[in-house]
Amino acid sequence: MTEVLAPEEAWPKMREARWSETEDAKEWDEFVSENRGSIFHTWAWRRVLESDGSRPFYLAYRNGRGSILAICPFFYRTRGRLRYLYSLPNSYMAGPVISNRAPAASQIITSLRKSVNQSLFNPVVYMRVKVHHEPIVRSMITLGFNYELKDEFLILDLHEKKPEDIWEHGFRKHDRQAIKYYESQGSRFGLATRETEFRDFLSLLPRNYIGRIHSADFFSRMRLNMGERLCVATVTSEGKAITGISMLCDPPNSTIHLTTIRYAPTKNIHSPVTYLNWKVVNWAAEHGFRYVNFGDYTIAKCADPTHPFHRLKERFEAASIPRYLFTLPVASVLYSVAKTMNQAP
């Protein structure tokens, strides 16, 4: 157990509050659920990430009565001989989750970087924290932490843009033609339920610009740990899968996260991926989800009108949510070193 008291001289009202490492999965997940943490903050996702041997470091911030007021999940990473903490690898959403009952976020975040016991021979030099929630972003910028703004994810709000709005205003003529073409060919959309359907999905080629690319091994670990929260949607034509996508369903946040899309190469001018995305959006609306997260992309690709991601954004009239990557030095004597490492992955 690792714990550090919040500095009493700075915040006397918080002198009993502290960060500590936790291994209580039930308590952690209850806090995530009650405070709108994402599916990537859950303990099940931790099991996915640590199943390849990665070492987690999950921190909870407690008041004097032991109640959790904030959490922040990390995994250890190394760059050369330097060790750092990263929140979170292979995850769209990461960083702290802070309760509305907690004191100022800036105080909690400042104490976060003091929560790591240092090893003389292998110290943790800094923390890398991905954040997209605006209040936490503002606090961390105000605190003066170095940051990068390299990528963003694409969110469709189905309360603001219903499928019929996308059809009329987002789609161009050739997009609508693609949908009509696959409908006329008797193509079928559905969720995989049999092992043969999952194998058919994995036999398709990964598409490298829509959603995150996960290996077959990573996909298997997701299936093992995420249970029914992981779904695979496929499109079949003449009895064969022509495209498919894996989805993480996050009902508490009314969101589905599209992770890996796969397809069968074809010379057809009509994209089966457009048809698949259209059917997924309709499926999400029909099943009561409000948001569709199309995945993360570099800002440069988003701004490039020739890049498929830019067209995807236009087609579905979705919003770009910037994601900041902050560097938090964990000890003042290591601050100068941490500043130079701002390009770590």
Protein backbone atom coordinates (compact mmCIF):
# COMPACT_ATOMS: atom_id res chain seq x y z
CA MET A 1 0.00 0.00 0.00
CA THR A 2 1.39 3.39 -1.04
CA GLU A 3 0.06 6.56 0.55
CA VAL A 4 1.05 10.15 1.09
CA LEU A 5 -0.74 12.69 3.27
CA ALA A 6 -1.89 15.89 1.61
CA PRO A 7 0.39 18.76 2.70
CA GLU A 8 -1.09 20.18 5.90
CA GLU A 9 0.62 23.54 5.66
CA ALA A 10 -1.00 24.21 2.29
CA TRP A 11 -4.52 22.96 2.92
CA PRO A 12 -5.33 22.64 6.62
CA LYS A 13 -8.89 21.60 5.88
CA MET A 14 -7.58 18.61 3.95
CA ARG A 15 -4.85 17.48 6.36
CA GLU A 16 -6.44 14.05 6.72
CA ALA A 17 -7.02 13.50 3.02
CA ARG A 18 -4.64 11.21 1.19
CA TRP A 19 -3.96 9.29 -2.00
CA SER A 20 -3.30 5.57 -1.65
CA GLU A 21 -3.00 2.59 -3.94
CA THR A 22 -6.10 0.40 -3.86
CA GLU A 23 -6.87 -3.19 -4.79
CA ASP A 24 -10.58 -3.08 -3.94
CA ALA A 25 -12.30 -3.72 -7.27
CA LYS A 26 -15.85 -3.45 -5.93
CA GLU A 27 -15.28 -0.11 -4.22
CA TRP A 28 -13.45 1.23 -7.27
CA ASP A 29 -16.20 0.29 -9.70
CA GLU A 30 -18.89 1.72 -7.43
CA PHE A 31 -17.09 5.06 -7.45
CA VAL A 32 -16.66 4.94 -11.24
CA SER A 33 -20.37 4.22 -11.71
CA GLU A 34 -21.52 6.91 -9.27
CA ASN A 35 -19.28 9.62 -10.72
CA ARG A 36 -19.63 9.12 -14.47
CA GLY A 37 -16.28 7.46 -15.01
CA SER A 38 -15.94 5.73 -18.37
CA ILE A 39 -15.79 2.03 -19.16
CA PHE A 40 -12.02 2.52 -19.52
CA HIS A 41 -11.88 3.46 -15.83
CA THR A 42 -13.49 0.20 -14.70
CA TRP A 43 -11.67 -2.69 -13.06
CA ALA A 44 -12.59 -4.97 -15.96
CA TRP A 45 -10.57 -2.76 -18.32
CA ARG A 46 -7.69 -2.89 -15.85
CA ARG A 47 -7.75 -6.68 -16.17
CA VAL A 48 -7.60 -6.37 -19.95
CA LEU A 49 -4.53 -4.13 -19.75
CA GLU A 50 -2.69 -6.09 -17.09
CA SER A 51 -3.30 -9.48 -18.74
CA ASP A 52 -0.21 -8.94 -20.89
CA GLY A 53 1.97 -8.55 -17.78
CA SER A 54 1.70 -4.76 -17.43
CA ARG A 55 1.82 -3.51 -13.83
CA PRO A 56 -1.06 -1.29 -12.65
CA PHE A 57 -0.93 1.45 -10.03
CA TYR A 58 -4.51 2.48 -9.20
CA LEU A 59 -4.81 5.42 -6.84
CA ALA A 60 -7.78 6.53 -4.73
CA TYR A 61 -8.03 9.84 -2.87
CA ARG A 62 -9.80 9.43 0.48
CA ASN A 63 -11.00 11.85 3.11
CA GLY A 64 -10.40 11.38 6.82
CA ARG A 65 -13.38 9.00 7.06
CA GLY A 66 -12.00 6.78 4.33
CA SER A 67 -14.54 7.78 1.65
CA ILE A 68 -13.20 8.03 -1.89
CA LEU A 69 -13.32 11.52 -3.38
CA ALA A 70 -11.25 10.90 -6.53
CA ILE A 71 -9.46 8.15 -8.42
CA CYS A 72 -6.75 7.98 -11.06
CA PRO A 73 -5.65 4.73 -12.76
CA PHE A 74 -2.05 4.30 -13.92
CA PHE A 75 0.23 1.69 -15.45
CA TYR A 76 3.99 1.65 -15.14
CA ARG A 77 5.92 2.37 -18.33
CA THR A 78 9.59 2.78 -19.14
CA ARG A 79 11.50 4.85 -21.64
CA GLY A 80 15.09 3.80 -21.78
CA ARG A 81 16.17 3.63 -18.15
CA LEU A 82 13.49 6.00 -16.95
CA ARG A 83 10.26 4.82 -15.37
CA TYR A 84 7.01 6.77 -15.50
CA LEU A 85 3.27 6.30 -14.89
CA TYR A 86 0.76 6.45 -17.72
CA SER A 87 -3.01 6.93 -17.56
CA LEU A 88 -4.12 4.92 -19.51
CA PRO A 89 -2.59 2.91 -22.37
CA ASN A 90 -4.90 1.68 -25.16
CA SER A 91 -7.80 3.70 -23.78
CA TYR A 92 -9.90 6.49 -25.26
CA MET A 93 -10.71 7.99 -21.86
CA ALA A 94 -8.36 8.21 -18.91
CA GLY A 95 -7.13 10.52 -16.17
CA PRO A 96 -8.73 11.43 -12.84
CA VAL A 97 -12.39 10.98 -11.95
CA ILE A 98 -13.32 13.48 -9.24
CA SER A 99 -16.49 13.46 -7.15
CA ASN A 100 -18.70 16.54 -6.99
CA ARG A 101 -18.32 16.27 -3.20
CA ALA A 102 -14.56 16.75 -3.45
CA PRO A 103 -12.75 20.03 -2.72
CA ALA A 104 -11.05 21.99 -5.49
CA ALA A 105 -9.72 19.80 -8.29
CA SER A 106 -6.47 21.75 -8.38
CA GLN A 107 -5.68 20.75 -4.79
CA ILE A 108 -6.37 17.09 -5.51
CA ILE A 109 -4.30 17.09 -8.69
CA THR A 110 -1.37 18.83 -6.99
CA SER A 111 -1.34 16.18 -4.28
CA LEU A 112 -1.57 13.43 -6.91
CA ARG A 113 1.99 13.96 -8.07
CA LYS A 114 3.20 13.48 -4.47
CA SER A 115 1.53 10.10 -4.06
CA VAL A 116 4.33 7.85 -5.31
CA ASN A 117 6.94 6.33 -3.01
CA GLN A 118 10.26 6.54 -4.80
CA SER A 119 12.69 3.69 -5.31
CA LEU A 120 16.29 4.82 -5.01
CA PHE A 121 17.37 2.56 -7.87
CA ASN A 122 14.37 2.90 -10.20
CA PRO A 123 12.45 6.11 -9.42
CA VAL A 124 9.26 7.16 -11.15
CA VAL A 125 10.23 10.36 -12.94
CA TYR A 126 6.84 11.68 -13.96
CA MET A 127 3.18 10.91 -14.62
CA ARG A 128 1.57 11.12 -18.06
CA VAL A 129 -2.15 11.86 -17.78
CA LYS A 130 -4.64 11.97 -20.67
CA VAL A 131 -7.56 14.31 -19.96
CA HIS A 132 -10.54 15.50 -21.97
CA HIS A 133 -12.95 16.78 -19.27
CA GLU A 134 -12.78 20.58 -19.49
CA PRO A 135 -12.81 21.37 -15.73
CA ILE A 136 -9.84 19.09 -15.09
CA VAL A 137 -8.05 20.36 -18.20
CA ARG A 138 -8.45 23.96 -17.00
CA SER A 139 -7.15 23.09 -13.54
CA MET A 140 -4.07 21.33 -14.88
CA ILE A 141 -3.27 24.16 -17.29
CA THR A 142 -3.67 26.69 -14.47
CA LEU A 143 -1.29 24.64 -12.35
CA GLY A 144 1.31 25.05 -15.08
CA PHE A 145 1.88 21.42 -16.07
CA ASN A 146 3.40 20.82 -19.49
CA TYR A 147 1.01 19.34 -22.02
CA GLU A 148 0.65 18.21 -25.60
CA LEU A 149 -2.46 18.50 -27.72
CA LYS A 150 -2.00 15.90 -30.42
CA ASP A 151 -5.23 14.00 -30.81
CA GLU A 152 -8.96 14.03 -30.29
CA PHE A 153 -11.86 11.69 -30.55
CA LEU A 154 -14.99 12.01 -32.57
CA ILE A 155 -18.30 12.00 -30.67
CA LEU A 156 -21.74 11.84 -32.26
CA ASP A 157 -24.56 13.10 -30.03
CA LEU A 158 -27.73 11.35 -31.19
CA HIS A 159 -29.91 13.79 -29.28
CA GLU A 160 -28.53 16.64 -31.37
CA LYS A 161 -28.07 14.72 -34.64
CA LYS A 162 -30.62 11.98 -35.23
CA PRO A 163 -30.06 9.42 -38.00
CA GLU A 164 -32.55 11.17 -40.26
CA ASP A 165 -30.61 14.45 -39.84
CA ILE A 166 -27.38 12.71 -40.81
CA TRP A 167 -29.08 11.17 -43.85
CA GLU A 168 -30.42 14.51 -45.05
CA HIS A 169 -27.62 16.89 -44.13
CA GLY A 170 -24.42 14.94 -43.38
CA PHE A 171 -24.50 12.36 -46.16
CA ARG A 172 -23.68 13.27 -49.70
CA LYS A 173 -25.28 11.63 -52.71
CA HIS A 174 -22.68 8.87 -53.02
CA ASP A 175 -23.02 8.06 -49.29
CA ARG A 176 -26.75 7.51 -49.68
CA GLN A 177 -26.10 5.48 -52.81
CA ALA A 178 -23.76 3.20 -50.86
CA ILE A 179 -26.45 2.54 -48.24
CA LYS A 180 -29.07 1.83 -50.90
CA TYR A 181 -26.68 -0.44 -52.79
CA TYR A 182 -26.01 -2.76 -49.84
CA GLU A 183 -29.67 -2.76 -48.89
CA SER A 184 -30.58 -3.80 -52.43
CA GLN A 185 -27.98 -6.61 -52.30
CA GLY A 186 -29.68 -8.11 -49.27
CA SER A 187 -26.75 -7.36 -46.95
CA ARG A 188 -27.42 -8.19 -43.33
CA PHE A 189 -26.31 -6.31 -40.23
CA GLY A 190 -26.21 -7.96 -36.82
CA LEU A 191 -24.24 -8.68 -33.66
CA ALA A 192 -21.97 -11.71 -33.52
CA THR A 193 -23.18 -14.45 -31.18
CA ARG A 194 -21.45 -17.61 -32.42
CA GLU A 195 -17.74 -18.42 -32.30
CA THR A 196 -17.67 -18.76 -36.08
CA GLU A 197 -18.89 -15.16 -36.39
CA PHE A 198 -16.12 -13.88 -34.11
CA ARG A 199 -13.57 -15.85 -36.13
CA ASP A 200 -14.98 -14.43 -39.36
CA PHE A 201 -14.57 -10.93 -37.93
CA LEU A 202 -10.93 -11.54 -37.02
CA SER A 203 -10.22 -12.99 -40.47
CA LEU A 204 -11.00 -9.60 -42.04
CA LEU A 205 -8.29 -6.98 -42.58
CA PRO A 206 -8.00 -4.14 -40.04
CA ARG A 207 -8.83 -0.68 -41.28
CA ASN A 208 -6.10 1.65 -40.12
CA TYR A 209 -7.87 4.98 -39.93
CA ILE A 210 -11.21 4.34 -38.30
CA GLY A 211 -11.11 3.38 -34.65
CA ARG A 212 -8.21 1.88 -32.73
CA ILE A 213 -6.42 -1.17 -34.13
CA HIS A 214 -6.40 -4.05 -31.68
CA SER A 215 -4.61 -7.31 -32.33
CA ALA A 216 -6.41 -10.64 -32.26
CA ASP A 217 -4.75 -11.35 -28.89
CA PHE A 218 -5.94 -8.04 -27.42
CA PHE A 219 -9.42 -8.70 -28.76
CA SER A 220 -9.44 -12.10 -27.04
CA ARG A 221 -8.47 -10.45 -23.77
CA MET A 222 -11.29 -7.95 -24.19
CA ARG A 223 -13.77 -10.77 -24.76
CA LEU A 224 -12.53 -12.60 -21.68
CA ASN A 225 -12.75 -9.60 -19.34
CA MET A 226 -15.42 -7.29 -20.71
CA GLY A 227 -18.17 -9.87 -21.17
CA GLU A 228 -21.38 -8.52 -22.68
CA ARG A 229 -19.99 -5.01 -22.69
CA LEU A 230 -17.97 -6.00 -25.76
CA CYS A 231 -20.02 -6.47 -28.93
CA VAL A 232 -19.05 -7.16 -32.52
CA ALA A 233 -21.29 -5.84 -35.29
CA THR A 234 -20.88 -7.35 -38.74
CA VAL A 235 -22.25 -6.94 -42.23
CA THR A 236 -22.63 -10.08 -44.31
CA SER A 237 -23.32 -10.42 -48.00
CA GLU A 238 -24.09 -13.73 -49.68
CA GLY A 239 -23.34 -15.47 -46.40
CA LYS A 240 -19.87 -13.96 -45.98
CA ALA A 241 -18.69 -11.24 -43.63
CA ILE A 242 -17.56 -8.19 -45.61
CA THR A 243 -16.94 -5.78 -42.73
CA GLY A 244 -17.32 -5.58 -38.97
CA ILE A 245 -16.49 -3.50 -35.93
CA SER A 246 -15.89 -4.18 -32.24
CA MET A 247 -17.76 -1.96 -29.79
CA LEU A 248 -17.47 -1.33 -26.07
CA CYS A 249 -20.89 -0.51 -24.66
CA ASP A 250 -20.96 1.90 -21.72
CA PRO A 251 -24.63 2.19 -20.61
CA PRO A 252 -23.98 4.41 -17.53
CA ASN A 253 -22.60 7.05 -19.91
CA SER A 254 -25.04 6.17 -22.70
CA THR A 255 -22.06 5.67 -25.03
CA ILE A 256 -20.73 3.06 -27.41
CA HIS A 257 -17.03 3.20 -28.23
CA LEU A 258 -16.03 1.87 -31.64
CA THR A 259 -12.66 0.17 -31.32
CA THR A 260 -11.47 -1.90 -34.29
CA ILE A 261 -13.02 -1.97 -37.73
CA ARG A 262 -12.21 -4.75 -40.23
CA TYR A 263 -13.17 -5.31 -43.83
CA ALA A 264 -12.74 -7.58 -46.83
CA PRO A 265 -10.92 -5.92 -49.74
CA THR A 266 -13.24 -5.17 -52.64
CA LYS A 267 -13.18 -3.19 -55.86
CA ASN A 268 -16.74 -2.05 -55.32
CA ILE A 269 -17.08 1.73 -55.57
CA HIS A 270 -19.56 1.65 -52.67
CA SER A 271 -17.88 1.45 -49.28
CA PRO A 272 -19.17 -1.31 -46.98
CA VAL A 273 -17.64 0.68 -44.08
CA THR A 274 -20.01 3.58 -44.72
CA TYR A 275 -22.90 1.13 -44.64
CA LEU A 276 -21.57 -0.47 -41.43
CA ASN A 277 -21.17 2.87 -39.65
CA TRP A 278 -24.65 3.90 -40.71
CA LYS A 279 -26.14 0.70 -39.33
CA VAL A 280 -24.17 1.01 -36.08
CA VAL A 281 -25.45 4.57 -35.56
CA ASN A 282 -29.01 3.40 -36.10
CA TRP A 283 -28.47 0.44 -33.76
CA ALA A 284 -27.18 2.79 -31.07
CA ALA A 285 -30.20 5.08 -31.43
CA GLU A 286 -32.64 2.15 -31.35
CA HIS A 287 -31.04 0.75 -28.18
CA GLY A 288 -31.16 4.01 -26.25
CA PHE A 289 -27.55 5.14 -26.52
CA ARG A 290 -26.96 8.86 -26.83
CA TYR A 291 -23.31 8.98 -27.90
CA VAL A 292 -21.20 7.13 -30.46
CA ASN A 293 -17.44 7.48 -30.01
CA PHE A 294 -15.77 6.84 -33.37
CA GLY A 295 -12.28 6.67 -31.85
CA ASP A 296 -9.17 8.79 -31.53
CA TYR A 297 -7.22 10.48 -34.32
CA THR A 298 -4.44 13.02 -34.61
CA ILE A 299 -5.54 16.62 -34.91
CA ALA A 300 -3.53 16.93 -38.13
CA LYS A 301 -5.67 14.24 -39.74
CA CYS A 302 -8.85 15.90 -38.53
CA ALA A 303 -7.79 19.18 -40.13
CA ASP A 304 -6.81 17.57 -43.45
CA PRO A 305 -9.87 17.70 -45.76
CA THR A 306 -8.40 14.88 -47.88
CA HIS A 307 -8.11 12.45 -44.97
CA PRO A 308 -10.88 9.85 -44.50
CA PHE A 309 -11.26 10.89 -40.85
CA HIS A 310 -12.22 14.40 -41.90
CA ARG A 311 -14.86 12.97 -44.22
CA LEU A 312 -16.11 10.68 -41.46
CA LYS A 313 -16.55 13.71 -39.22
CA GLU A 314 -18.50 15.57 -41.90
CA ARG A 315 -20.61 12.58 -42.87
CA PHE A 316 -21.90 11.97 -39.36
CA GLU A 317 -21.87 15.62 -38.26
CA ALA A 318 -19.91 14.68 -35.16
CA ALA A 319 -17.95 16.84 -32.71
CA SER A 320 -14.20 16.67 -32.14
CA ILE A 321 -13.25 16.42 -28.46
CA PRO A 322 -9.60 17.40 -27.85
CA ARG A 323 -7.54 15.20 -25.57
CA TYR A 324 -4.68 16.71 -23.59
CA LEU A 325 -1.63 14.76 -22.48
CA PHE A 326 -0.14 16.32 -19.36
CA THR A 327 3.24 15.70 -17.76
CA LEU A 328 3.27 15.80 -13.95
CA PRO A 329 6.72 15.57 -12.34
CA VAL A 330 6.50 13.48 -9.18
CA ALA A 331 9.43 15.07 -7.34
CA SER A 332 10.87 18.57 -7.53
CA VAL A 333 14.42 17.29 -7.92
CA LEU A 334 13.31 15.38 -10.99
CA TYR A 335 11.36 18.27 -12.53
CA SER A 336 13.99 19.25 -15.07
CA VAL A 337 14.25 15.64 -16.23
CA ALA A 338 10.49 15.32 -16.59
CA LYS A 339 10.28 18.46 -18.71
CA THR A 340 12.70 16.98 -21.23
CA MET A 341 10.62 13.82 -21.56
CA ASN A 342 7.49 15.48 -22.86
CA GLN A 343 7.67 13.41 -26.05
CA ALA A 344 7.33 10.01 -24.33
CA PRO A 345 4.64 7.77 -25.92
